[in-house]
Amino acid sequence: MKRTKENYPSFNLFSIVDTWESINLNPTVIIYRNDKTYLFSIIYVSETTRQASPATYEIQQDGSQYFIAAASKWLYVDYDPAKDVLSISSLGDYLRS
């Protein structure tokens, strides 16, 4: 199979392994490698009870895009290496902490 932009993402998951803080005040996320998979962890904190609810998802690939299947919806993950900004659909942009 010929390597084309449609078949491969524009960045390597290894380049986004780190802790990321939201610029929109969304929960902080951690991306790490576990054996051969890359995982996405997020900790939600309830505003009413102040209790933390951690969640971890495997980062998957669909053609040229990475995504996380969370609660019956897909969150797409994109990365701009020039700006060092991680974008997560519906959560917004993140900067390395």
Protein backbone atom coordinates (compact mmCIF):
# COMPACT_ATOMS: atom_id res chain seq x y z
CA MET A 1 0.00 0.00 0.00
CA LYS A 2 1.36 3.37 -0.99
CA ARG A 3 1.88 5.79 1.90
CA THR A 4 -0.46 8.73 1.35
CA LYS A 5 -1.78 11.51 3.58
CA GLU A 6 -5.24 9.92 3.53
CA ASN A 7 -3.92 6.72 5.13
CA TYR A 8 -1.50 8.07 7.75
CA PRO A 9 -1.78 10.78 10.42
CA SER A 10 0.41 13.86 10.16
CA PHE A 11 2.10 13.17 13.53
CA ASN A 12 3.42 10.27 15.57
CA LEU A 13 1.69 9.43 18.86
CA PHE A 14 5.07 9.32 20.60
CA SER A 15 5.38 13.08 20.05
CA ILE A 16 2.30 13.80 22.20
CA VAL A 17 3.20 11.62 25.20
CA ASP A 18 3.01 14.07 28.10
CA THR A 19 0.67 15.88 30.48
CA TRP A 20 -1.52 18.48 28.79
CA GLU A 21 -3.43 21.39 30.32
CA SER A 22 -6.52 22.86 28.69
CA ILE A 23 -6.53 26.50 27.66
CA ASN A 24 -10.36 26.37 27.98
CA LEU A 25 -10.34 25.19 31.63
CA ASN A 26 -11.29 21.61 30.70
CA PRO A 27 -9.77 18.71 32.66
CA THR A 28 -6.04 18.04 32.34
CA VAL A 29 -5.19 14.99 30.23
CA ILE A 30 -2.26 12.60 30.30
CA ILE A 31 -1.13 10.69 27.22
CA TYR A 32 1.23 7.77 27.78
CA ARG A 33 2.40 4.55 26.23
CA ASN A 34 1.58 1.17 27.72
CA ASP A 35 3.40 -1.63 25.90
CA LYS A 36 2.26 -1.19 22.28
CA THR A 37 -0.78 1.00 22.89
CA TYR A 38 -1.14 4.69 23.62
CA LEU A 39 -3.56 5.67 26.35
CA PHE A 40 -5.44 8.87 27.10
CA SER A 41 -6.32 9.54 30.74
CA ILE A 42 -8.55 12.31 31.97
CA ILE A 43 -9.80 13.13 35.46
CA TYR A 44 -13.20 14.73 35.71
CA VAL A 45 -13.99 16.56 38.95
CA SER A 46 -17.63 17.02 39.91
CA GLU A 47 -18.41 20.64 40.69
CA THR A 48 -21.06 19.66 43.21
CA THR A 49 -19.38 16.82 45.12
CA ARG A 50 -15.72 17.71 44.34
CA GLN A 51 -15.07 14.01 43.72
CA ALA A 52 -12.66 12.96 41.00
CA SER A 53 -13.66 10.40 38.37
CA PRO A 54 -10.70 9.11 36.36
CA ALA A 55 -11.18 7.60 32.91
CA THR A 56 -8.65 6.00 30.56
CA TYR A 57 -9.17 5.28 26.86
CA GLU A 58 -7.03 3.73 24.16
CA ILE A 59 -6.08 6.09 21.35
CA GLN A 60 -7.17 4.48 18.09
CA GLN A 61 -6.60 5.28 14.44
CA ASP A 62 -9.15 5.72 11.66
CA GLY A 63 -7.32 6.30 8.39
CA SER A 64 -5.42 9.55 8.83
CA GLN A 65 -6.97 10.51 12.17
CA TYR A 66 -6.51 9.48 15.77
CA PHE A 67 -9.54 9.25 18.02
CA ILE A 68 -10.76 8.15 21.43
CA ALA A 69 -14.05 6.27 21.72
CA ALA A 70 -15.57 7.70 24.91
CA ALA A 71 -19.17 7.29 26.04
CA SER A 72 -20.53 6.39 22.60
CA LYS A 73 -18.87 9.34 20.87
CA TRP A 74 -15.53 9.83 19.19
CA LEU A 75 -13.13 12.52 20.34
CA TYR A 76 -10.65 13.30 17.58
CA VAL A 77 -7.06 14.06 18.54
CA ASP A 78 -4.88 16.37 16.44
CA TYR A 79 -1.49 17.93 17.06
CA ASP A 80 0.24 20.99 15.62
CA PRO A 81 3.99 20.43 16.08
CA ALA A 82 4.88 23.97 15.02
CA LYS A 83 2.80 25.46 17.87
CA ASP A 84 3.09 22.42 20.19
CA VAL A 85 -0.69 22.46 20.64
CA LEU A 86 -2.84 19.38 21.13
CA SER A 87 -6.46 19.68 19.94
CA ILE A 88 -9.22 17.39 21.15
CA SER A 89 -12.61 17.74 19.51
CA SER A 90 -15.27 19.06 21.90
CA LEU A 91 -12.61 19.76 24.58
CA GLY A 92 -10.54 22.34 22.71
CA ASP A 93 -6.81 23.08 22.70
CA TYR A 94 -4.21 21.90 25.19
CA LEU A 95 -0.66 23.00 26.04
CA ARG A 96 2.07 20.88 27.62
CA SER A 97 2.29 21.41 31.35
